[in-house]
Amino acid sequence: MKQVKVLKVPVRYNGVTHARGASFVMEDDHVNESIVEVLGEVAENNTPSQFEGKTLDDLKAYAEEYKIDIGKATTEEGIIKKIEEAQKAE
């Protein structure tokens, strides 16, 4: 995983639009140095999920809003995993 900074135009990644100058974490094989500058390495297990700390109801509402099938997942961890898998598939 790489910490990157948007160079010129907004970049949409994993369902989120990042403005010029914004930094975020991107998978190594997704990095395109013509649109982002690599700031450094990020250990995968140290990257907090944007969904951690959300309630089950919040997670279910997010999944419904973005039409993400959570299958039989009933725990926060399970639903977060389904959401993140769906975002990676985009």
PDB file of N, CA and C in Angstrom:
ATOM      1  N   MET A   1       0.848  -1.170   0.000  1.00  0.00           N
ATOM      2  CA  MET A   1       0.000   0.000   0.000  1.00  0.00           C
ATOM      3  C   MET A   1       0.894   1.235   0.000  1.00  0.00           C
ATOM      4  N   LYS A   2       0.439   2.263  -0.690  1.00  0.00           N
ATOM      5  CA  LYS A   2       1.184   3.511  -0.799  1.00  0.00           C
ATOM      6  C   LYS A   2       0.324   4.679  -0.316  1.00  0.00           C
ATOM      7  N   GLN A   3       0.968   5.606   0.379  1.00  0.00           N
ATOM      8  CA  GLN A   3       0.329   6.890   0.689  1.00  0.00           C
ATOM      9  C   GLN A   3       0.623   7.767  -0.511  1.00  0.00           C
ATOM     10  N   VAL A   4      -0.423   8.316  -1.132  1.00  0.00           N
ATOM     11  CA  VAL A   4      -0.250   9.118  -2.341  1.00  0.00           C
ATOM     12  C   VAL A   4      -0.912  10.481  -2.177  1.00  0.00           C
ATOM     13  N   LYS A   5      -0.499  11.421  -3.029  1.00  0.00           N
ATOM     14  CA  LYS A   5      -1.082  12.760  -3.046  1.00  0.00           C
ATOM     15  C   LYS A   5      -1.523  13.065  -4.467  1.00  0.00           C
ATOM     16  N   VAL A   6      -2.731  13.603  -4.601  1.00  0.00           N
ATOM     17  CA  VAL A   6      -3.293  13.942  -5.910  1.00  0.00           C
ATOM     18  C   VAL A   6      -2.528  15.127  -6.496  1.00  0.00           C
ATOM     19  N   LEU A   7      -2.112  14.983  -7.776  1.00  0.00           N
ATOM     20  CA  LEU A   7      -1.309  16.021  -8.415  1.00  0.00           C
ATOM     21  C   LEU A   7      -2.134  17.169  -9.003  1.00  0.00           C
ATOM     22  N   LYS A   8      -2.947  16.907 -10.010  1.00  0.00           N
ATOM     23  CA  LYS A   8      -3.589  18.010 -10.725  1.00  0.00           C
ATOM     24  C   LYS A   8      -5.108  17.964 -10.701  1.00  0.00           C
ATOM     25  N   VAL A   9      -5.673  16.857 -11.130  1.00  0.00           N
ATOM     26  CA  VAL A   9      -7.131  16.767 -11.234  1.00  0.00           C
ATOM     27  C   VAL A   9      -7.661  15.837 -10.151  1.00  0.00           C
ATOM     28  N   PRO A  10      -8.914  16.002  -9.734  1.00  0.00           N
ATOM     29  CA  PRO A  10      -9.472  15.094  -8.733  1.00  0.00           C
ATOM     30  C   PRO A  10      -9.354  13.637  -9.175  1.00  0.00           C
ATOM     31  N   VAL A  11      -9.116  12.766  -8.215  1.00  0.00           N
ATOM     32  CA  VAL A  11      -8.968  11.335  -8.482  1.00  0.00           C
ATOM     33  C   VAL A  11     -10.051  10.590  -7.717  1.00  0.00           C
ATOM     34  N   ARG A  12     -10.791   9.743  -8.407  1.00  0.00           N
ATOM     35  CA  ARG A  12     -11.807   8.915  -7.765  1.00  0.00           C
ATOM     36  C   ARG A  12     -11.185   7.548  -7.526  1.00  0.00           C
ATOM     37  N   TYR A  13     -11.209   7.125  -6.242  1.00  0.00           N
ATOM     38  CA  TYR A  13     -10.604   5.845  -5.887  1.00  0.00           C
ATOM     39  C   TYR A  13     -11.446   5.188  -4.802  1.00  0.00           C
ATOM     40  N   ASN A  14     -11.832   3.963  -5.029  1.00  0.00           N
ATOM     41  CA  ASN A  14     -12.660   3.201  -4.082  1.00  0.00           C
ATOM     42  C   ASN A  14     -13.920   3.953  -3.687  1.00  0.00           C
ATOM     43  N   GLY A  15     -14.547   4.589  -4.670  1.00  0.00           N
ATOM     44  CA  GLY A  15     -15.817   5.249  -4.420  1.00  0.00           C
ATOM     45  C   GLY A  15     -15.716   6.624  -3.779  1.00  0.00           C
ATOM     46  N   VAL A  16     -14.507   7.146  -3.611  1.00  0.00           N
ATOM     47  CA  VAL A  16     -14.310   8.455  -2.984  1.00  0.00           C
ATOM     48  C   VAL A  16     -13.518   9.345  -3.940  1.00  0.00           C
ATOM     49  N   THR A  17     -13.974  10.591  -4.118  1.00  0.00           N
ATOM     50  CA  THR A  17     -13.250  11.543  -4.950  1.00  0.00           C
ATOM     51  C   THR A  17     -12.304  12.348  -4.069  1.00  0.00           C
ATOM     52  N   HIS A  18     -11.034  12.366  -4.452  1.00  0.00           N
ATOM     53  CA  HIS A  18      -9.992  13.073  -3.710  1.00  0.00           C
ATOM     54  C   HIS A  18      -9.568  14.294  -4.514  1.00  0.00           C
ATOM     55  N   ALA A  19      -9.647  15.480  -3.897  1.00  0.00           N
ATOM     56  CA  ALA A  19      -9.323  16.739  -4.570  1.00  0.00           C
ATOM     57  C   ALA A  19      -7.811  16.892  -4.759  1.00  0.00           C
ATOM     58  N   ARG A  20      -7.443  17.817  -5.615  1.00  0.00           N
ATOM     59  CA  ARG A  20      -6.026  18.140  -5.846  1.00  0.00           C
ATOM     60  C   ARG A  20      -5.363  18.455  -4.507  1.00  0.00           C
ATOM     61  N   GLY A  21      -4.210  17.844  -4.254  1.00  0.00           N
ATOM     62  CA  GLY A  21      -3.473  18.075  -3.020  1.00  0.00           C
ATOM     63  C   GLY A  21      -3.845  17.134  -1.883  1.00  0.00           C
ATOM     64  N   ALA A  22      -4.943  16.414  -2.023  1.00  0.00           N
ATOM     65  CA  ALA A  22      -5.364  15.483  -0.969  1.00  0.00           C
ATOM     66  C   ALA A  22      -4.482  14.248  -0.990  1.00  0.00           C
ATOM     67  N   SER A  23      -4.317  13.636   0.185  1.00  0.00           N
ATOM     68  CA  SER A  23      -3.555  12.391   0.231  1.00  0.00           C
ATOM     69  C   SER A  23      -4.445  11.279   0.745  1.00  0.00           C
ATOM     70  N   PHE A  24      -4.149  10.064   0.290  1.00  0.00           N
ATOM     71  CA  PHE A  24      -4.913   8.891   0.683  1.00  0.00           C
ATOM     72  C   PHE A  24      -4.085   7.653   0.413  1.00  0.00           C
ATOM     73  N   VAL A  25      -4.591   6.507   0.832  1.00  0.00           N
ATOM     74  CA  VAL A  25      -3.880   5.240   0.664  1.00  0.00           C
ATOM     75  C   VAL A  25      -4.406   4.528  -0.575  1.00  0.00           C
ATOM     76  N   MET A  26      -3.461   3.995  -1.381  1.00  0.00           N
ATOM     77  CA  MET A  26      -3.806   3.318  -2.630  1.00  0.00           C
ATOM     78  C   MET A  26      -3.001   2.021  -2.717  1.00  0.00           C
ATOM     79  N   GLU A  27      -3.611   1.010  -3.271  1.00  0.00           N
ATOM     80  CA  GLU A  27      -2.896  -0.247  -3.475  1.00  0.00           C
ATOM     81  C   GLU A  27      -1.762  -0.036  -4.480  1.00  0.00           C
ATOM     82  N   ASP A  28      -0.659  -0.747  -4.246  1.00  0.00           N
ATOM     83  CA  ASP A  28       0.544  -0.583  -5.068  1.00  0.00           C
ATOM     84  C   ASP A  28       0.264  -0.683  -6.562  1.00  0.00           C
ATOM     85  N   ASP A  29      -0.483  -1.701  -6.975  1.00  0.00           N
ATOM     86  CA  ASP A  29      -0.692  -1.916  -8.411  1.00  0.00           C
ATOM     87  C   ASP A  29      -1.700  -0.950  -9.031  1.00  0.00           C
ATOM     88  N   HIS A  30      -2.287  -0.061  -8.239  1.00  0.00           N
ATOM     89  CA  HIS A  30      -3.216   0.941  -8.772  1.00  0.00           C
ATOM     90  C   HIS A  30      -2.556   2.296  -8.970  1.00  0.00           C
ATOM     91  N   VAL A  31      -1.335   2.450  -8.481  1.00  0.00           N
ATOM     92  CA  VAL A  31      -0.648   3.737  -8.536  1.00  0.00           C
ATOM     93  C   VAL A  31      -0.325   4.117  -9.979  1.00  0.00           C
ATOM     94  N   ASN A  32      -0.717   5.328 -10.352  1.00  0.00           N
ATOM     95  CA  ASN A  32      -0.405   5.906 -11.655  1.00  0.00           C
ATOM     96  C   ASN A  32       0.276   7.238 -11.358  1.00  0.00           C
ATOM     97  N   GLU A  33       1.597   7.285 -11.513  1.00  0.00           N
ATOM     98  CA  GLU A  33       2.355   8.456 -11.105  1.00  0.00           C
ATOM     99  C   GLU A  33       2.145   9.675 -11.999  1.00  0.00           C
ATOM    100  N   SER A  34       1.295   9.559 -13.019  1.00  0.00           N
ATOM    101  CA  SER A  34       0.955  10.745 -13.794  1.00  0.00           C
ATOM    102  C   SER A  34      -0.200  11.509 -13.135  1.00  0.00           C
ATOM    103  N   ILE A  35      -0.900  10.866 -12.186  1.00  0.00           N
ATOM    104  CA  ILE A  35      -2.009  11.546 -11.505  1.00  0.00           C
ATOM    105  C   ILE A  35      -1.812  11.667  -9.995  1.00  0.00           C
ATOM    106  N   VAL A  36      -0.909  10.847  -9.424  1.00  0.00           N
ATOM    107  CA  VAL A  36      -0.626  10.932  -7.986  1.00  0.00           C
ATOM    108  C   VAL A  36       0.876  10.862  -7.735  1.00  0.00           C
ATOM    109  N   GLU A  37       1.293  11.474  -6.642  1.00  0.00           N
ATOM    110  CA  GLU A  37       2.687  11.406  -6.203  1.00  0.00           C
ATOM    111  C   GLU A  37       2.760  10.433  -5.030  1.00  0.00           C
ATOM    112  N   VAL A  38       3.704   9.501  -5.072  1.00  0.00           N
ATOM    113  CA  VAL A  38       3.870   8.550  -3.979  1.00  0.00           C
ATOM    114  C   VAL A  38       4.600   9.258  -2.843  1.00  0.00           C
ATOM    115  N   LEU A  39       3.970   9.259  -1.655  1.00  0.00           N
ATOM    116  CA  LEU A  39       4.563   9.895  -0.483  1.00  0.00           C
ATOM    117  C   LEU A  39       5.311   8.898   0.382  1.00  0.00           C
ATOM    118  N   GLY A  40       4.911   7.608   0.287  1.00  0.00           N
ATOM    119  CA  GLY A  40       5.586   6.596   1.083  1.00  0.00           C
ATOM    120  C   GLY A  40       4.801   5.310   1.161  1.00  0.00           C
ATOM    121  N   GLU A  41       5.393   4.349   1.845  1.00  0.00           N
ATOM    122  CA  GLU A  41       4.772   3.039   2.044  1.00  0.00           C
ATOM    123  C   GLU A  41       3.861   3.070   3.264  1.00  0.00           C
ATOM    124  N   VAL A  42       2.809   2.263   3.223  1.00  0.00           N
ATOM    125  CA  VAL A  42       1.910   2.111   4.361  1.00  0.00           C
ATOM    126  C   VAL A  42       1.748   0.625   4.616  1.00  0.00           C
ATOM    127  N   ALA A  43       1.957   0.204   5.842  1.00  0.00           N
ATOM    128  CA  ALA A  43       1.745  -1.204   6.191  1.00  0.00           C
ATOM    129  C   ALA A  43       0.250  -1.480   6.159  1.00  0.00           C
ATOM    130  N   GLU A  44      -0.138  -2.552   5.492  1.00  0.00           N
ATOM    131  CA  GLU A  44      -1.559  -2.852   5.326  1.00  0.00           C
ATOM    132  C   GLU A  44      -2.292  -3.012   6.645  1.00  0.00           C
ATOM    133  N   ASN A  45      -1.671  -3.644   7.624  1.00  0.00           N
ATOM    134  CA  ASN A  45      -2.383  -3.885   8.878  1.00  0.00           C
ATOM    135  C   ASN A  45      -2.494  -2.629   9.734  1.00  0.00           C
ATOM    136  N   ASN A  46      -1.847  -1.526   9.350  1.00  0.00           N
ATOM    137  CA  ASN A  46      -1.944  -0.282  10.110  1.00  0.00           C
ATOM    138  C   ASN A  46      -2.924   0.703   9.498  1.00  0.00           C
ATOM    139  N   THR A  47      -3.567   0.321   8.411  1.00  0.00           N
ATOM    140  CA  THR A  47      -4.500   1.206   7.743  1.00  0.00           C
ATOM    141  C   THR A  47      -5.893   1.026   8.331  1.00  0.00           C
ATOM    142  N   PRO A  48      -6.379   2.010   9.063  1.00  0.00           N
ATOM    143  CA  PRO A  48      -7.715   1.851   9.634  1.00  0.00           C
ATOM    144  C   PRO A  48      -8.780   1.948   8.549  1.00  0.00           C
ATOM    145  N   SER A  49      -9.818   1.184   8.715  1.00  0.00           N
ATOM    146  CA  SER A  49     -10.934   1.220   7.781  1.00  0.00           C
ATOM    147  C   SER A  49     -11.753   2.478   8.037  1.00  0.00           C
ATOM    148  N   GLN A  50     -12.265   3.076   6.978  1.00  0.00           N
ATOM    149  CA  GLN A  50     -13.122   4.251   7.134  1.00  0.00           C
ATOM    150  C   GLN A  50     -14.432   3.880   7.809  1.00  0.00           C
ATOM    151  N   PHE A  51     -14.701   2.575   7.946  1.00  0.00           N
ATOM    152  CA  PHE A  51     -15.962   2.109   8.518  1.00  0.00           C
ATOM    153  C   PHE A  51     -15.844   1.701   9.981  1.00  0.00           C
ATOM    154  N   GLU A  52     -14.633   1.610  10.501  1.00  0.00           N
ATOM    155  CA  GLU A  52     -14.467   1.208  11.891  1.00  0.00           C
ATOM    156  C   GLU A  52     -15.114   2.241  12.796  1.00  0.00           C
ATOM    157  N   GLY A  53     -15.819   1.746  13.815  1.00  0.00           N
ATOM    158  CA  GLY A  53     -16.512   2.631  14.741  1.00  0.00           C
ATOM    159  C   GLY A  53     -17.935   2.934  14.332  1.00  0.00           C
ATOM    160  N   LYS A  54     -18.341   2.504  13.139  1.00  0.00           N
ATOM    161  CA  LYS A  54     -19.717   2.701  12.682  1.00  0.00           C
ATOM    162  C   LYS A  54     -20.612   1.638  13.318  1.00  0.00           C
ATOM    163  N   THR A  55     -21.855   1.978  13.519  1.00  0.00           N
ATOM    164  CA  THR A  55     -22.803   1.017  14.077  1.00  0.00           C
ATOM    165  C   THR A  55     -23.260   0.059  12.994  1.00  0.00           C
ATOM    166  N   LEU A  56     -23.847  -1.057  13.422  1.00  0.00           N
ATOM    167  CA  LEU A  56     -24.402  -2.012  12.451  1.00  0.00           C
ATOM    168  C   LEU A  56     -25.419  -1.328  11.547  1.00  0.00           C
ATOM    169  N   ASP A  57     -26.270  -0.496  12.135  1.00  0.00           N
ATOM    170  CA  ASP A  57     -27.288   0.198  11.336  1.00  0.00           C
ATOM    171  C   ASP A  57     -26.645   1.129  10.310  1.00  0.00           C
ATOM    172  N   ASP A  58     -25.575   1.837  10.705  1.00  0.00           N
ATOM    173  CA  ASP A  58     -24.862   2.720   9.772  1.00  0.00           C
ATOM    174  C   ASP A  58     -24.280   1.923   8.620  1.00  0.00           C
ATOM    175  N   LEU A  59     -23.654   0.786   8.949  1.00  0.00           N
ATOM    176  CA  LEU A  59     -23.032  -0.055   7.924  1.00  0.00           C
ATOM    177  C   LEU A  59     -24.068  -0.624   6.964  1.00  0.00           C
ATOM    178  N   LYS A  60     -25.184  -1.093   7.511  1.00  0.00           N
ATOM    179  CA  LYS A  60     -26.254  -1.644   6.666  1.00  0.00           C
ATOM    180  C   LYS A  60     -26.832  -0.556   5.770  1.00  0.00           C
ATOM    181  N   ALA A  61     -27.011   0.657   6.308  1.00  0.00           N
ATOM    182  CA  ALA A  61     -27.541   1.765   5.513  1.00  0.00           C
ATOM    183  C   ALA A  61     -26.581   2.131   4.387  1.00  0.00           C
ATOM    184  N   TYR A  62     -25.281   2.150   4.688  1.00  0.00           N
ATOM    185  CA  TYR A  62     -24.273   2.442   3.664  1.00  0.00           C
ATOM    186  C   TYR A  62     -24.341   1.392   2.550  1.00  0.00           C
ATOM    187  N   ALA A  63     -24.377   0.122   2.942  1.00  0.00           N
ATOM    188  CA  ALA A  63     -24.431  -0.958   1.958  1.00  0.00           C
ATOM    189  C   ALA A  63     -25.682  -0.841   1.095  1.00  0.00           C
ATOM    190  N   GLU A  64     -26.795  -0.509   1.719  1.00  0.00           N
ATOM    191  CA  GLU A  64     -28.043  -0.378   0.962  1.00  0.00           C
ATOM    192  C   GLU A  64     -27.964   0.813   0.007  1.00  0.00           C
ATOM    193  N   GLU A  65     -27.440   1.934   0.491  1.00  0.00           N
ATOM    194  CA  GLU A  65     -27.342   3.134  -0.336  1.00  0.00           C
ATOM    195  C   GLU A  65     -26.489   2.895  -1.579  1.00  0.00           C
ATOM    196  N   TYR A  66     -25.403   2.140  -1.421  1.00  0.00           N
ATOM    197  CA  TYR A  66     -24.494   1.895  -2.534  1.00  0.00           C
ATOM    198  C   TYR A  66     -24.736   0.548  -3.213  1.00  0.00           C
ATOM    199  N   LYS A  67     -25.875  -0.064  -2.874  1.00  0.00           N
ATOM    200  CA  LYS A  67     -26.309  -1.325  -3.498  1.00  0.00           C
ATOM    201  C   LYS A  67     -25.237  -2.412  -3.393  1.00  0.00           C
ATOM    202  N   ILE A  68     -24.701  -2.571  -2.171  1.00  0.00           N
ATOM    203  CA  ILE A  68     -23.687  -3.580  -1.894  1.00  0.00           C
ATOM    204  C   ILE A  68     -24.350  -4.748  -1.194  1.00  0.00           C
ATOM    205  N   ASP A  69     -24.222  -5.924  -1.790  1.00  0.00           N
ATOM    206  CA  ASP A  69     -24.800  -7.139  -1.218  1.00  0.00           C
ATOM    207  C   ASP A  69     -23.915  -7.612  -0.074  1.00  0.00           C
ATOM    208  N   ILE A  70     -24.449  -7.591   1.142  1.00  0.00           N
ATOM    209  CA  ILE A  70     -23.670  -8.033   2.304  1.00  0.00           C
ATOM    210  C   ILE A  70     -23.906  -9.502   2.615  1.00  0.00           C
ATOM    211  N   GLY A  71     -24.707 -10.158   1.783  1.00  0.00           N
ATOM    212  CA  GLY A  71     -24.954 -11.586   1.962  1.00  0.00           C
ATOM    213  C   GLY A  71     -25.515 -11.895   3.338  1.00  0.00           C
ATOM    214  N   LYS A  72     -24.914 -12.848   4.012  1.00  0.00           N
ATOM    215  CA  LYS A  72     -25.380 -13.267   5.333  1.00  0.00           C
ATOM    216  C   LYS A  72     -24.587 -12.625   6.460  1.00  0.00           C
ATOM    217  N   ALA A  73     -23.775 -11.638   6.140  1.00  0.00           N
ATOM    218  CA  ALA A  73     -22.959 -10.967   7.158  1.00  0.00           C
ATOM    219  C   ALA A  73     -23.867 -10.275   8.164  1.00  0.00           C
ATOM    220  N   THR A  74     -23.576 -10.476   9.452  1.00  0.00           N
ATOM    221  CA  THR A  74     -24.395  -9.881  10.502  1.00  0.00           C
ATOM    222  C   THR A  74     -23.569  -9.106  11.525  1.00  0.00           C
ATOM    223  N   THR A  75     -22.252  -9.254  11.479  1.00  0.00           N
ATOM    224  CA  THR A  75     -21.404  -8.544  12.426  1.00  0.00           C
ATOM    225  C   THR A  75     -20.790  -7.321  11.757  1.00  0.00           C
ATOM    226  N   GLU A  76     -20.333  -6.359  12.579  1.00  0.00           N
ATOM    227  CA  GLU A  76     -19.671  -5.180  12.023  1.00  0.00           C
ATOM    228  C   GLU A  76     -18.495  -5.592  11.151  1.00  0.00           C
ATOM    229  N   GLU A  77     -17.666  -6.500  11.669  1.00  0.00           N
ATOM    230  CA  GLU A  77     -16.488  -6.957  10.929  1.00  0.00           C
ATOM    231  C   GLU A  77     -16.877  -7.601   9.593  1.00  0.00           C
ATOM    232  N   GLY A  78     -17.905  -8.430   9.611  1.00  0.00           N
ATOM    233  CA  GLY A  78     -18.349  -9.116   8.402  1.00  0.00           C
ATOM    234  C   GLY A  78     -18.895  -8.161   7.354  1.00  0.00           C
ATOM    235  N   ILE A  79     -19.683  -7.185   7.807  1.00  0.00           N
ATOM    236  CA  ILE A  79     -20.272  -6.226   6.875  1.00  0.00           C
ATOM    237  C   ILE A  79     -19.178  -5.313   6.302  1.00  0.00           C
ATOM    238  N   ILE A  80     -18.242  -4.880   7.155  1.00  0.00           N
ATOM    239  CA  ILE A  80     -17.131  -4.051   6.670  1.00  0.00           C
ATOM    240  C   ILE A  80     -16.343  -4.806   5.608  1.00  0.00           C
ATOM    241  N   LYS A  81     -16.098  -6.075   5.835  1.00  0.00           N
ATOM    242  CA  LYS A  81     -15.351  -6.884   4.865  1.00  0.00           C
ATOM    243  C   LYS A  81     -16.083  -6.934   3.526  1.00  0.00           C
ATOM    244  N   LYS A  82     -17.399  -7.147   3.566  1.00  0.00           N
ATOM    245  CA  LYS A  82     -18.188  -7.196   2.325  1.00  0.00           C
ATOM    246  C   LYS A  82     -18.144  -5.851   1.589  1.00  0.00           C
ATOM    247  N   ILE A  83     -18.274  -4.751   2.330  1.00  0.00           N
ATOM    248  CA  ILE A  83     -18.244  -3.426   1.723  1.00  0.00           C
ATOM    249  C   ILE A  83     -16.886  -3.168   1.069  1.00  0.00           C
ATOM    250  N   GLU A  84     -15.816  -3.465   1.806  1.00  0.00           N
ATOM    251  CA  GLU A  84     -14.478  -3.217   1.276  1.00  0.00           C
ATOM    252  C   GLU A  84     -14.176  -4.100   0.066  1.00  0.00           C
ATOM    253  N   GLU A  85     -14.650  -5.335   0.079  1.00  0.00           N
ATOM    254  CA  GLU A  85     -14.464  -6.208  -1.091  1.00  0.00           C
ATOM    255  C   GLU A  85     -15.187  -5.654  -2.298  1.00  0.00           C
ATOM    256  N   ALA A  86     -16.392  -5.143  -2.091  1.00  0.00           N
ATOM    257  CA  ALA A  86     -17.170  -4.569  -3.197  1.00  0.00           C
ATOM    258  C   ALA A  86     -16.475  -3.327  -3.745  1.00  0.00           C
ATOM    259  N   GLN A  87     -15.887  -2.519  -2.863  1.00  0.00           N
ATOM    260  CA  GLN A  87     -15.196  -1.318  -3.331  1.00  0.00           C
ATOM    261  C   GLN A  87     -13.938  -1.668  -4.118  1.00  0.00           C
ATOM    262  N   LYS A  88     -13.232  -2.704  -3.721  1.00  0.00           N
ATOM    263  CA  LYS A  88     -12.035  -3.109  -4.453  1.00  0.00           C
ATOM    264  C   LYS A  88     -12.379  -3.630  -5.834  1.00  0.00           C
ATOM    265  N   ALA A  89     -13.583  -4.198  -5.973  1.00  0.00           N
ATOM    266  CA  ALA A  89     -14.004  -4.762  -7.251  1.00  0.00           C
ATOM    267  C   ALA A  89     -14.407  -3.683  -8.250  1.00  0.00           C
ATOM    268  N   GLU A  90     -14.608  -2.452  -7.774  1.00  0.00           N
ATOM    269  CA  GLU A  90     -15.033  -1.362  -8.663  1.00  0.00           C
ATOM    270  C   GLU A  90     -13.958  -0.981  -9.642  1.00  0.00           C
TER     271      GLU A  90
END
